[in-house]
Amino acid sequence: GSSRKIKGRTFITGIPVRREFKEAAFRRRPVEEPTILIYGGSQGSRFLNQIAIDMQKKIPDNYRLRIVSGKRDYEWVKTNIAGRNTVIPFTLKPWDEIGAADAIVSRAGALAGYEIAVSGKPVIFVPFPYAVDNHQYHNARYFSKITNARLVEEKDIDAERLIEAIRMLIKADDGGRSALILNAEERICEIVKERI
């Protein structure tokens, strides 16, 4: 998935993820009351938290937002979220949140992005634009090529556009993980064994 040529011999192995993330992939149901997970990661995302607050006024009545806000923004988000929507500061079991979601909006760090991608759930990656070497953009671009994901940059997004993008992704959901490497730990072991 790298956008640059790397010298030497390289292997694409995927990223090892815990079994629980893989199991979250198989939770599928008819989407009559979609739960949208806004997932800013362990530190949260001020931008995604604000979008979630803005979205709640515009989403259809049957939608529900579940926000992982990060500790820093928790009280602020909690004060501004109402109705069927909920917020938690963080979780030690992110696979439960991912498994319960019908669609996900997330930053695009490599590990969290892969954990979400393994689920096969519809996801919109909003890369952090100030990440070193813009690596979250490249991660999101890669995930959007091989999974049921879409890359949307911060500069191109507001609550209404995000809601419409989520609706379209849910409607087109095919559980797409076809090109994602799901056995990275086995592949890494095989490569290491071949070279010993």
N, C-alpha and C. Protein backbone atom coordinates (compact mmCIF):
# COMPACT_ATOMS: atom_id res chain seq x y z
N GLY A 1 0.79 -1.20 0.00
CA GLY A 1 0.00 0.00 0.00
C GLY A 1 0.83 1.25 0.00
N SER A 2 2.17 1.15 0.03
CA SER A 2 3.00 2.35 0.10
C SER A 2 2.91 3.13 -1.19
N SER A 3 2.95 4.47 -1.08
CA SER A 3 2.91 5.30 -2.28
C SER A 3 4.31 5.56 -2.80
N ARG A 4 5.33 5.08 -2.09
CA ARG A 4 6.72 5.28 -2.50
C ARG A 4 7.37 3.94 -2.81
N LYS A 5 8.35 3.98 -3.69
CA LYS A 5 9.15 2.79 -3.96
C LYS A 5 10.09 2.58 -2.78
N ILE A 6 10.17 1.34 -2.33
CA ILE A 6 11.05 1.00 -1.22
C ILE A 6 12.16 0.13 -1.76
N LYS A 7 13.41 0.47 -1.45
CA LYS A 7 14.55 -0.32 -1.93
C LYS A 7 14.62 -1.62 -1.16
N GLY A 8 15.10 -2.64 -1.83
CA GLY A 8 15.26 -3.93 -1.20
C GLY A 8 14.03 -4.80 -1.40
N ARG A 9 14.08 -5.97 -0.79
CA ARG A 9 12.99 -6.94 -0.93
C ARG A 9 11.93 -6.65 0.13
N THR A 10 10.69 -6.56 -0.28
CA THR A 10 9.61 -6.26 0.66
C THR A 10 8.53 -7.32 0.58
N PHE A 11 7.77 -7.43 1.65
CA PHE A 11 6.66 -8.37 1.73
C PHE A 11 5.45 -7.65 2.30
N ILE A 12 4.33 -7.83 1.68
CA ILE A 12 3.09 -7.30 2.24
C ILE A 12 2.49 -8.40 3.10
N THR A 13 2.41 -8.14 4.39
CA THR A 13 1.95 -9.18 5.32
C THR A 13 0.59 -8.85 5.94
N GLY A 14 0.19 -7.60 5.88
CA GLY A 14 -0.97 -7.18 6.66
C GLY A 14 -0.51 -6.88 8.08
N ILE A 15 -1.47 -6.55 8.94
CA ILE A 15 -1.16 -6.22 10.33
C ILE A 15 -1.86 -7.23 11.23
N PRO A 16 -1.12 -7.87 12.14
CA PRO A 16 -1.79 -8.79 13.06
C PRO A 16 -2.80 -8.05 13.93
N VAL A 17 -3.98 -8.60 14.06
CA VAL A 17 -5.00 -8.03 14.94
C VAL A 17 -5.55 -9.11 15.85
N ARG A 18 -6.06 -8.70 16.98
CA ARG A 18 -6.60 -9.66 17.93
C ARG A 18 -7.82 -10.39 17.36
N ARG A 19 -7.99 -11.61 17.81
CA ARG A 19 -9.10 -12.47 17.37
C ARG A 19 -10.45 -11.76 17.52
N GLU A 20 -10.60 -10.97 18.57
CA GLU A 20 -11.89 -10.31 18.83
C GLU A 20 -12.29 -9.37 17.69
N PHE A 21 -11.32 -8.72 17.05
CA PHE A 21 -11.64 -7.85 15.92
C PHE A 21 -12.15 -8.68 14.74
N LYS A 22 -11.55 -9.82 14.52
CA LYS A 22 -11.99 -10.68 13.43
C LYS A 22 -13.39 -11.21 13.69
N GLU A 23 -13.69 -11.54 14.93
CA GLU A 23 -15.02 -12.04 15.28
C GLU A 23 -16.08 -10.95 15.13
N ALA A 24 -15.71 -9.70 15.36
CA ALA A 24 -16.66 -8.59 15.20
C ALA A 24 -17.14 -8.48 13.76
N ALA A 25 -16.35 -9.03 12.84
CA ALA A 25 -16.68 -8.93 11.42
C ALA A 25 -17.96 -9.66 11.06
N PHE A 26 -18.31 -10.68 11.82
CA PHE A 26 -19.40 -11.54 11.40
C PHE A 26 -20.76 -11.12 11.93
N ARG A 27 -20.82 -10.01 12.64
CA ARG A 27 -22.09 -9.53 13.15
C ARG A 27 -22.78 -8.72 12.05
N ARG A 28 -23.74 -9.35 11.37
CA ARG A 28 -24.46 -8.68 10.29
C ARG A 28 -25.94 -8.77 10.59
N ARG A 29 -26.68 -7.73 10.28
CA ARG A 29 -28.12 -7.75 10.49
C ARG A 29 -28.77 -6.76 9.55
N PRO A 30 -30.08 -6.88 9.32
CA PRO A 30 -30.75 -5.85 8.53
C PRO A 30 -30.64 -4.50 9.24
N VAL A 31 -30.33 -3.47 8.50
CA VAL A 31 -30.09 -2.17 9.11
C VAL A 31 -31.36 -1.32 9.05
N GLU A 32 -32.18 -1.43 10.09
CA GLU A 32 -33.39 -0.63 10.18
C GLU A 32 -33.18 0.58 11.09
N GLU A 33 -32.35 0.42 12.10
CA GLU A 33 -32.01 1.51 13.02
C GLU A 33 -30.49 1.58 13.12
N PRO A 34 -29.85 2.20 12.14
CA PRO A 34 -28.39 2.17 12.07
C PRO A 34 -27.71 2.82 13.27
N THR A 35 -26.69 2.13 13.77
CA THR A 35 -25.82 2.70 14.80
C THR A 35 -24.53 3.13 14.12
N ILE A 36 -24.21 4.41 14.26
CA ILE A 36 -23.02 4.97 13.64
C ILE A 36 -21.99 5.19 14.74
N LEU A 37 -20.84 4.56 14.61
CA LEU A 37 -19.76 4.72 15.57
C LEU A 37 -18.83 5.83 15.11
N ILE A 38 -18.68 6.85 15.95
CA ILE A 38 -17.71 7.92 15.70
C ILE A 38 -16.52 7.59 16.58
N TYR A 39 -15.41 7.21 15.94
CA TYR A 39 -14.30 6.60 16.65
C TYR A 39 -13.03 7.44 16.49
N GLY A 40 -12.77 8.28 17.48
CA GLY A 40 -11.61 9.16 17.40
C GLY A 40 -10.33 8.55 17.92
N GLY A 41 -10.38 7.30 18.36
CA GLY A 41 -9.20 6.65 18.90
C GLY A 41 -9.04 6.95 20.38
N SER A 42 -7.98 6.44 20.98
CA SER A 42 -7.82 6.55 22.43
C SER A 42 -7.70 7.99 22.91
N GLN A 43 -7.13 8.85 22.08
CA GLN A 43 -7.01 10.26 22.46
C GLN A 43 -8.21 11.09 21.99
N GLY A 44 -9.08 10.47 21.24
CA GLY A 44 -10.22 11.22 20.72
C GLY A 44 -9.80 12.10 19.55
N SER A 45 -10.76 12.77 18.99
CA SER A 45 -10.51 13.68 17.88
C SER A 45 -11.47 14.85 18.02
N ARG A 46 -10.95 16.00 18.29
CA ARG A 46 -11.80 17.19 18.45
C ARG A 46 -12.67 17.40 17.21
N PHE A 47 -12.09 17.21 16.03
CA PHE A 47 -12.85 17.41 14.80
C PHE A 47 -14.01 16.42 14.69
N LEU A 48 -13.74 15.12 14.90
CA LEU A 48 -14.81 14.13 14.80
C LEU A 48 -15.85 14.31 15.89
N ASN A 49 -15.42 14.72 17.08
CA ASN A 49 -16.39 14.97 18.16
C ASN A 49 -17.31 16.12 17.79
N GLN A 50 -16.78 17.17 17.20
CA GLN A 50 -17.62 18.30 16.79
C GLN A 50 -18.58 17.88 15.68
N ILE A 51 -18.09 17.10 14.73
CA ILE A 51 -18.96 16.61 13.66
C ILE A 51 -20.11 15.79 14.24
N ALA A 52 -19.81 14.96 15.24
CA ALA A 52 -20.86 14.14 15.87
C ALA A 52 -21.92 15.02 16.51
N ILE A 53 -21.49 16.05 17.19
CA ILE A 53 -22.44 16.99 17.81
C ILE A 53 -23.31 17.64 16.74
N ASP A 54 -22.69 18.04 15.64
CA ASP A 54 -23.44 18.67 14.54
C ASP A 54 -24.38 17.67 13.86
N MET A 55 -23.94 16.42 13.73
CA MET A 55 -24.73 15.40 13.04
C MET A 55 -26.04 15.09 13.75
N GLN A 56 -26.02 15.09 15.08
CA GLN A 56 -27.20 14.63 15.81
C GLN A 56 -28.44 15.46 15.50
N LYS A 57 -28.25 16.70 15.08
CA LYS A 57 -29.39 17.56 14.74
C LYS A 57 -29.93 17.27 13.35
N LYS A 58 -29.17 16.50 12.55
CA LYS A 58 -29.53 16.31 11.15
C LYS A 58 -29.79 14.86 10.76
N ILE A 59 -29.41 13.92 11.61
CA ILE A 59 -29.59 12.51 11.24
C ILE A 59 -31.06 12.11 11.31
N PRO A 60 -31.46 11.14 10.52
CA PRO A 60 -32.84 10.64 10.60
C PRO A 60 -33.14 10.14 12.01
N ASP A 61 -34.40 10.16 12.39
CA ASP A 61 -34.82 9.77 13.74
C ASP A 61 -34.44 8.34 14.10
N ASN A 62 -34.34 7.47 13.11
CA ASN A 62 -34.04 6.07 13.41
C ASN A 62 -32.54 5.80 13.56
N TYR A 63 -31.70 6.79 13.34
CA TYR A 63 -30.26 6.63 13.49
C TYR A 63 -29.85 6.87 14.94
N ARG A 64 -28.73 6.25 15.30
CA ARG A 64 -28.17 6.42 16.64
C ARG A 64 -26.67 6.64 16.51
N LEU A 65 -26.13 7.59 17.25
CA LEU A 65 -24.69 7.82 17.27
C LEU A 65 -24.10 7.23 18.55
N ARG A 66 -22.97 6.59 18.39
CA ARG A 66 -22.20 6.09 19.53
C ARG A 66 -20.81 6.70 19.36
N ILE A 67 -20.38 7.53 20.31
CA ILE A 67 -19.16 8.32 20.15
C ILE A 67 -18.12 7.88 21.17
N VAL A 68 -16.93 7.51 20.68
CA VAL A 68 -15.79 7.30 21.56
C VAL A 68 -14.99 8.60 21.49
N SER A 69 -15.16 9.42 22.53
CA SER A 69 -14.72 10.81 22.47
C SER A 69 -13.28 11.05 22.88
N GLY A 70 -12.66 10.11 23.60
CA GLY A 70 -11.39 10.41 24.25
C GLY A 70 -11.68 11.10 25.58
N LYS A 71 -10.77 10.97 26.51
CA LYS A 71 -10.98 11.55 27.85
C LYS A 71 -11.05 13.07 27.82
N ARG A 72 -10.20 13.70 27.01
CA ARG A 72 -10.11 15.16 26.99
C ARG A 72 -11.46 15.81 26.68
N ASP A 73 -12.20 15.27 25.70
CA ASP A 73 -13.43 15.90 25.23
C ASP A 73 -14.70 15.30 25.83
N TYR A 74 -14.56 14.30 26.68
CA TYR A 74 -15.73 13.56 27.13
C TYR A 74 -16.81 14.45 27.75
N GLU A 75 -16.47 15.28 28.71
CA GLU A 75 -17.48 16.11 29.39
C GLU A 75 -18.14 17.08 28.41
N TRP A 76 -17.35 17.66 27.52
CA TRP A 76 -17.88 18.59 26.52
C TRP A 76 -18.87 17.87 25.59
N VAL A 77 -18.47 16.71 25.08
CA VAL A 77 -19.36 15.98 24.17
C VAL A 77 -20.61 15.51 24.91
N LYS A 78 -20.42 14.98 26.11
CA LYS A 78 -21.55 14.48 26.89
C LYS A 78 -22.59 15.57 27.13
N THR A 79 -22.13 16.78 27.39
CA THR A 79 -23.03 17.92 27.62
C THR A 79 -23.81 18.28 26.36
N ASN A 80 -23.23 17.99 25.20
CA ASN A 80 -23.85 18.41 23.93
C ASN A 80 -24.51 17.29 23.15
N ILE A 81 -24.59 16.10 23.71
CA ILE A 81 -25.22 14.97 23.03
C ILE A 81 -26.53 14.64 23.74
N ALA A 82 -27.55 14.36 22.96
CA ALA A 82 -28.87 14.10 23.56
C ALA A 82 -29.56 12.95 22.86
N GLY A 83 -30.74 12.62 23.38
CA GLY A 83 -31.59 11.63 22.74
C GLY A 83 -31.00 10.23 22.80
N ARG A 84 -31.12 9.53 21.69
CA ARG A 84 -30.67 8.13 21.59
C ARG A 84 -29.16 8.01 21.44
N ASN A 85 -28.48 9.12 21.39
CA ASN A 85 -27.04 9.13 21.15
C ASN A 85 -26.29 8.99 22.47
N THR A 86 -25.14 8.30 22.42
CA THR A 86 -24.35 8.08 23.63
C THR A 86 -22.88 8.38 23.38
N VAL A 87 -22.18 8.66 24.46
CA VAL A 87 -20.75 8.95 24.38
C VAL A 87 -20.05 8.22 25.51
N ILE A 88 -18.85 7.69 25.19
CA ILE A 88 -17.98 7.11 26.20
C ILE A 88 -16.59 7.70 25.99
N PRO A 89 -15.79 7.84 27.07
CA PRO A 89 -14.47 8.45 26.90
C PRO A 89 -13.48 7.55 26.17
N PHE A 90 -13.54 6.25 26.46
CA PHE A 90 -12.64 5.29 25.80
C PHE A 90 -13.20 3.90 26.08
N THR A 91 -12.60 2.91 25.46
CA THR A 91 -13.02 1.54 25.71
C THR A 91 -11.81 0.62 25.68
N LEU A 92 -11.84 -0.37 26.55
CA LEU A 92 -10.79 -1.39 26.53
C LEU A 92 -11.16 -2.54 25.60
N LYS A 93 -12.38 -2.49 25.06
CA LYS A 93 -12.85 -3.53 24.13
C LYS A 93 -13.40 -2.87 22.86
N PRO A 94 -12.53 -2.25 22.08
CA PRO A 94 -13.01 -1.56 20.88
C PRO A 94 -13.74 -2.47 19.91
N TRP A 95 -13.42 -3.76 19.92
CA TRP A 95 -14.08 -4.70 19.01
C TRP A 95 -15.58 -4.78 19.31
N ASP A 96 -15.98 -4.58 20.57
CA ASP A 96 -17.41 -4.57 20.88
C ASP A 96 -18.10 -3.39 20.22
N GLU A 97 -17.47 -2.22 20.28
CA GLU A 97 -18.04 -1.01 19.65
C GLU A 97 -18.10 -1.18 18.14
N ILE A 98 -17.02 -1.70 17.56
CA ILE A 98 -16.98 -1.92 16.11
C ILE A 98 -18.02 -2.95 15.69
N GLY A 99 -18.10 -4.04 16.44
CA GLY A 99 -19.05 -5.10 16.11
C GLY A 99 -20.50 -4.65 16.19
N ALA A 100 -20.80 -3.71 17.09
CA ALA A 100 -22.17 -3.23 17.27
C ALA A 100 -22.56 -2.14 16.28
N ALA A 101 -21.58 -1.62 15.55
CA ALA A 101 -21.85 -0.51 14.63
C ALA A 101 -22.32 -1.02 13.26
N ASP A 102 -23.13 -0.21 12.62
CA ASP A 102 -23.54 -0.48 11.23
C ASP A 102 -22.68 0.28 10.25
N ALA A 103 -22.07 1.37 10.73
CA ALA A 103 -21.11 2.14 9.94
C ALA A 103 -20.21 2.87 10.92
N ILE A 104 -19.01 3.19 10.48
CA ILE A 104 -18.00 3.77 11.35
C ILE A 104 -17.39 4.99 10.67
N VAL A 105 -17.13 6.02 11.49
CA VAL A 105 -16.38 7.19 11.03
C VAL A 105 -15.15 7.25 11.93
N SER A 106 -13.97 7.27 11.32
CA SER A 106 -12.75 7.16 12.12
C SER A 106 -11.60 7.92 11.48
N ARG A 107 -10.61 8.24 12.31
CA ARG A 107 -9.32 8.65 11.80
C ARG A 107 -8.70 7.44 11.10
N ALA A 108 -7.49 7.59 10.59
CA ALA A 108 -6.92 6.53 9.75
C ALA A 108 -5.50 6.15 10.17
N GLY A 109 -5.31 6.00 11.49
CA GLY A 109 -4.04 5.45 11.95
C GLY A 109 -3.91 4.02 11.44
N ALA A 110 -2.70 3.54 11.30
CA ALA A 110 -2.49 2.23 10.68
C ALA A 110 -3.14 1.09 11.47
N LEU A 111 -2.88 1.01 12.77
CA LEU A 111 -3.40 -0.12 13.54
C LEU A 111 -4.92 -0.02 13.70
N ALA A 112 -5.41 1.12 14.17
CA ALA A 112 -6.86 1.26 14.36
C ALA A 112 -7.59 1.12 13.02
N GLY A 113 -7.00 1.65 11.97
CA GLY A 113 -7.62 1.54 10.65
C GLY A 113 -7.73 0.09 10.20
N TYR A 114 -6.67 -0.69 10.44
CA TYR A 114 -6.69 -2.11 10.06
C TYR A 114 -7.69 -2.87 10.91
N GLU A 115 -7.73 -2.56 12.20
CA GLU A 115 -8.70 -3.23 13.09
C GLU A 115 -10.12 -2.98 12.63
N ILE A 116 -10.39 -1.76 12.19
CA ILE A 116 -11.73 -1.44 11.68
C ILE A 116 -11.95 -2.13 10.33
N ALA A 117 -10.96 -2.08 9.47
CA ALA A 117 -11.10 -2.67 8.14
C ALA A 117 -11.38 -4.18 8.22
N VAL A 118 -10.77 -4.86 9.20
CA VAL A 118 -10.98 -6.30 9.37
C VAL A 118 -12.46 -6.60 9.59
N SER A 119 -13.19 -5.67 10.17
CA SER A 119 -14.61 -5.90 10.46
C SER A 119 -15.45 -5.99 9.20
N GLY A 120 -14.96 -5.41 8.10
CA GLY A 120 -15.75 -5.39 6.87
C GLY A 120 -16.93 -4.43 6.93
N LYS A 121 -17.03 -3.67 8.01
CA LYS A 121 -18.14 -2.72 8.15
C LYS A 121 -17.91 -1.51 7.23
N PRO A 122 -18.98 -0.88 6.80
CA PRO A 122 -18.81 0.36 6.04
C PRO A 122 -18.10 1.40 6.92
N VAL A 123 -17.07 2.02 6.38
CA VAL A 123 -16.30 2.99 7.18
C VAL A 123 -15.91 4.19 6.33
N ILE A 124 -15.97 5.33 6.96
CA ILE A 124 -15.46 6.56 6.34
C ILE A 124 -14.24 6.96 7.15
N PHE A 125 -13.10 6.97 6.48
CA PHE A 125 -11.86 7.39 7.11
C PHE A 125 -11.65 8.88 6.84
N VAL A 126 -11.45 9.63 7.92
CA VAL A 126 -11.17 11.07 7.85
C VAL A 126 -9.76 11.25 8.40
N PRO A 127 -8.75 11.26 7.54
CA PRO A 127 -7.37 11.31 8.02
C PRO A 127 -7.07 12.59 8.78
N PHE A 128 -6.25 12.46 9.82
CA PHE A 128 -5.75 13.64 10.54
C PHE A 128 -4.79 14.36 9.60
N PRO A 129 -5.11 15.60 9.21
CA PRO A 129 -4.33 16.24 8.13
C PRO A 129 -2.93 16.67 8.54
N TYR A 130 -2.64 16.65 9.84
CA TYR A 130 -1.32 17.11 10.30
C TYR A 130 -0.42 15.95 10.72
N ALA A 131 -0.81 14.73 10.37
CA ALA A 131 0.02 13.56 10.70
C ALA A 131 1.32 13.61 9.90
N VAL A 132 2.39 13.09 10.49
CA VAL A 132 3.71 13.10 9.85
C VAL A 132 3.61 12.47 8.46
N ASP A 133 4.17 13.16 7.47
CA ASP A 133 4.19 12.70 6.08
C ASP A 133 2.78 12.41 5.54
N ASN A 134 1.77 12.99 6.17
CA ASN A 134 0.38 12.78 5.76
C ASN A 134 0.06 11.29 5.67
N HIS A 135 0.63 10.49 6.58
CA HIS A 135 0.51 9.04 6.49
C HIS A 135 -0.93 8.56 6.68
N GLN A 136 -1.74 9.29 7.43
CA GLN A 136 -3.13 8.83 7.59
C GLN A 136 -3.89 8.93 6.27
N TYR A 137 -3.58 9.92 5.47
CA TYR A 137 -4.20 10.01 4.14
C TYR A 137 -3.85 8.77 3.31
N HIS A 138 -2.58 8.38 3.33
CA HIS A 138 -2.15 7.22 2.54
C HIS A 138 -2.75 5.93 3.08
N ASN A 139 -2.85 5.83 4.42
CA ASN A 139 -3.53 4.67 5.00
C ASN A 139 -4.98 4.59 4.51
N ALA A 140 -5.69 5.70 4.61
CA ALA A 140 -7.10 5.74 4.23
C ALA A 140 -7.27 5.43 2.75
N ARG A 141 -6.38 5.94 1.94
CA ARG A 141 -6.45 5.66 0.50
C ARG A 141 -6.28 4.16 0.23
N TYR A 142 -5.34 3.55 0.92
CA TYR A 142 -5.11 2.11 0.77
C TYR A 142 -6.34 1.33 1.21
N PHE A 143 -6.88 1.64 2.41
CA PHE A 143 -8.05 0.93 2.90
C PHE A 143 -9.25 1.10 1.97
N SER A 144 -9.38 2.28 1.38
CA SER A 144 -10.54 2.52 0.51
C SER A 144 -10.43 1.74 -0.80
N LYS A 145 -9.23 1.31 -1.15
CA LYS A 145 -9.05 0.50 -2.36
C LYS A 145 -9.37 -0.97 -2.12
N ILE A 146 -9.19 -1.45 -0.89
CA ILE A 146 -9.28 -2.90 -0.66
C ILE A 146 -10.44 -3.31 0.24
N THR A 147 -11.19 -2.36 0.79
CA THR A 147 -12.29 -2.70 1.70
C THR A 147 -13.50 -1.83 1.41
N ASN A 148 -14.54 -2.01 2.21
CA ASN A 148 -15.76 -1.22 2.09
C ASN A 148 -15.58 0.10 2.84
N ALA A 149 -14.62 0.90 2.37
CA ALA A 149 -14.26 2.14 3.04
C ALA A 149 -14.24 3.28 2.04
N ARG A 150 -14.38 4.46 2.58
CA ARG A 150 -14.30 5.67 1.77
C ARG A 150 -13.40 6.67 2.46
N LEU A 151 -12.56 7.33 1.70
CA LEU A 151 -11.67 8.38 2.21
C LEU A 151 -12.35 9.72 2.00
N VAL A 152 -12.48 10.49 3.07
CA VAL A 152 -13.01 11.86 2.98
C VAL A 152 -12.08 12.75 3.79
N GLU A 153 -11.56 13.78 3.17
CA GLU A 153 -10.67 14.69 3.88
C GLU A 153 -11.47 15.71 4.70
N GLU A 154 -10.86 16.16 5.81
CA GLU A 154 -11.51 17.14 6.69
C GLU A 154 -12.04 18.34 5.93
N LYS A 155 -11.24 18.83 5.01
CA LYS A 155 -11.61 20.06 4.29
C LYS A 155 -12.86 19.87 3.43
N ASP A 156 -13.22 18.63 3.15
CA ASP A 156 -14.35 18.34 2.26
C ASP A 156 -15.58 17.86 3.01
N ILE A 157 -15.61 18.02 4.32
CA ILE A 157 -16.67 17.38 5.09
C ILE A 157 -17.39 18.35 6.00
N ASP A 158 -18.69 18.12 6.12
CA ASP A 158 -19.50 18.75 7.15
C ASP A 158 -20.55 17.71 7.55
N ALA A 159 -21.39 18.02 8.52
CA ALA A 159 -22.34 17.04 9.05
C ALA A 159 -23.26 16.49 7.97
N GLU A 160 -23.82 17.35 7.13
CA GLU A 160 -24.77 16.90 6.11
C GLU A 160 -24.12 15.99 5.09
N ARG A 161 -22.93 16.37 4.62
CA ARG A 161 -22.24 15.53 3.64
C ARG A 161 -21.83 14.19 4.24
N LEU A 162 -21.44 14.22 5.51
CA LEU A 162 -21.05 12.98 6.17
C LEU A 162 -22.25 12.04 6.32
N ILE A 163 -23.39 12.57 6.71
CA ILE A 163 -24.60 11.75 6.84
C ILE A 163 -24.96 11.12 5.51
N GLU A 164 -24.91 11.88 4.44
CA GLU A 164 -25.24 11.34 3.12
C GLU A 164 -24.24 10.26 2.71
N ALA A 165 -22.96 10.48 3.00
CA ALA A 165 -21.95 9.47 2.67
C ALA A 165 -22.18 8.19 3.46
N ILE A 166 -22.57 8.32 4.72
CA ILE A 166 -22.87 7.15 5.55
C ILE A 166 -24.07 6.40 4.99
N ARG A 167 -25.11 7.11 4.63
CA ARG A 167 -26.32 6.47 4.09
C ARG A 167 -25.99 5.68 2.82
N MET A 168 -25.18 6.26 1.95
CA MET A 168 -24.82 5.59 0.71
C MET A 168 -23.96 4.35 0.99
N LEU A 169 -23.04 4.45 1.95
CA LEU A 169 -22.20 3.30 2.28
C LEU A 169 -23.02 2.16 2.87
N ILE A 170 -23.94 2.48 3.76
CA ILE A 170 -24.78 1.43 4.35
C ILE A 170 -25.62 0.76 3.28
N LYS A 171 -26.17 1.56 2.39
CA LYS A 171 -27.01 1.02 1.32
C LYS A 171 -26.22 0.09 0.40
N ALA A 172 -24.95 0.43 0.16
CA ALA A 172 -24.13 -0.36 -0.76
C ALA A 172 -23.30 -1.42 -0.05
N ASP A 173 -23.49 -1.59 1.27
CA ASP A 173 -22.65 -2.49 2.06
C ASP A 173 -22.68 -3.92 1.51
N ASP A 174 -21.48 -4.41 1.21
CA ASP A 174 -21.36 -5.78 0.74
C ASP A 174 -20.45 -6.60 1.65
N GLY A 175 -20.15 -6.04 2.85
CA GLY A 175 -19.25 -6.75 3.75
C GLY A 175 -17.86 -6.86 3.19
N GLY A 176 -17.46 -5.88 2.37
CA GLY A 176 -16.24 -5.98 1.59
C GLY A 176 -14.95 -6.04 2.38
N ARG A 177 -14.29 -7.21 2.36
CA ARG A 177 -12.95 -7.38 2.92
C ARG A 177 -12.11 -8.21 1.96
N SER A 178 -12.54 -8.32 0.73
CA SER A 178 -11.98 -9.33 -0.16
C SER A 178 -10.47 -9.24 -0.34
N ALA A 179 -9.90 -8.06 -0.36
CA ALA A 179 -8.47 -7.93 -0.60
C ALA A 179 -7.67 -7.71 0.68
N LEU A 180 -8.34 -7.75 1.82
CA LEU A 180 -7.66 -7.52 3.09
C LEU A 180 -7.00 -8.81 3.58
N ILE A 181 -5.79 -8.69 4.06
CA ILE A 181 -5.07 -9.85 4.58
C ILE A 181 -5.53 -10.10 6.01
N LEU A 182 -6.16 -11.25 6.23
CA LEU A 182 -6.74 -11.54 7.55
C LEU A 182 -5.87 -12.46 8.39
N ASN A 183 -4.80 -13.00 7.81
CA ASN A 183 -3.93 -13.93 8.55
C ASN A 183 -2.50 -13.39 8.61
N ALA A 184 -2.35 -12.12 8.94
CA ALA A 184 -1.03 -11.49 8.91
C ALA A 184 -0.03 -12.19 9.82
N GLU A 185 -0.49 -12.62 11.01
CA GLU A 185 0.44 -13.26 11.95
C GLU A 185 1.02 -14.55 11.35
N GLU A 186 0.20 -15.30 10.62
CA GLU A 186 0.69 -16.52 9.98
C GLU A 186 1.67 -16.20 8.87
N ARG A 187 1.36 -15.18 8.08
CA ARG A 187 2.25 -14.81 6.97
C ARG A 187 3.60 -14.34 7.48
N ILE A 188 3.59 -13.56 8.56
CA ILE A 188 4.85 -13.07 9.13
C ILE A 188 5.70 -14.26 9.61
N CYS A 189 5.06 -15.20 10.31
CA CYS A 189 5.78 -16.38 10.80
C CYS A 189 6.38 -17.19 9.64
N GLU A 190 5.62 -17.35 8.56
CA GLU A 190 6.10 -18.10 7.40
C GLU A 190 7.33 -17.43 6.79
N ILE A 191 7.27 -16.11 6.65
CA ILE A 191 8.38 -15.38 6.06
C ILE A 191 9.63 -15.49 6.94
N VAL A 192 9.46 -15.37 8.25
CA VAL A 192 10.58 -15.47 9.17
C VAL A 192 11.17 -16.88 9.10
N LYS A 193 10.32 -17.91 9.10
CA LYS A 193 10.80 -19.30 9.06
C LYS A 193 11.60 -19.57 7.79
N GLU A 194 11.17 -19.01 6.67
CA GLU A 194 11.86 -19.21 5.40
C GLU A 194 13.25 -18.62 5.42
N ARG A 195 13.48 -17.62 6.25
CA ARG A 195 14.75 -16.92 6.25
C ARG A 195 15.68 -17.34 7.38
N ILE A 196 15.25 -18.28 8.19
CA ILE A 196 16.11 -18.76 9.30
C ILE A 196 16.94 -19.93 8.82
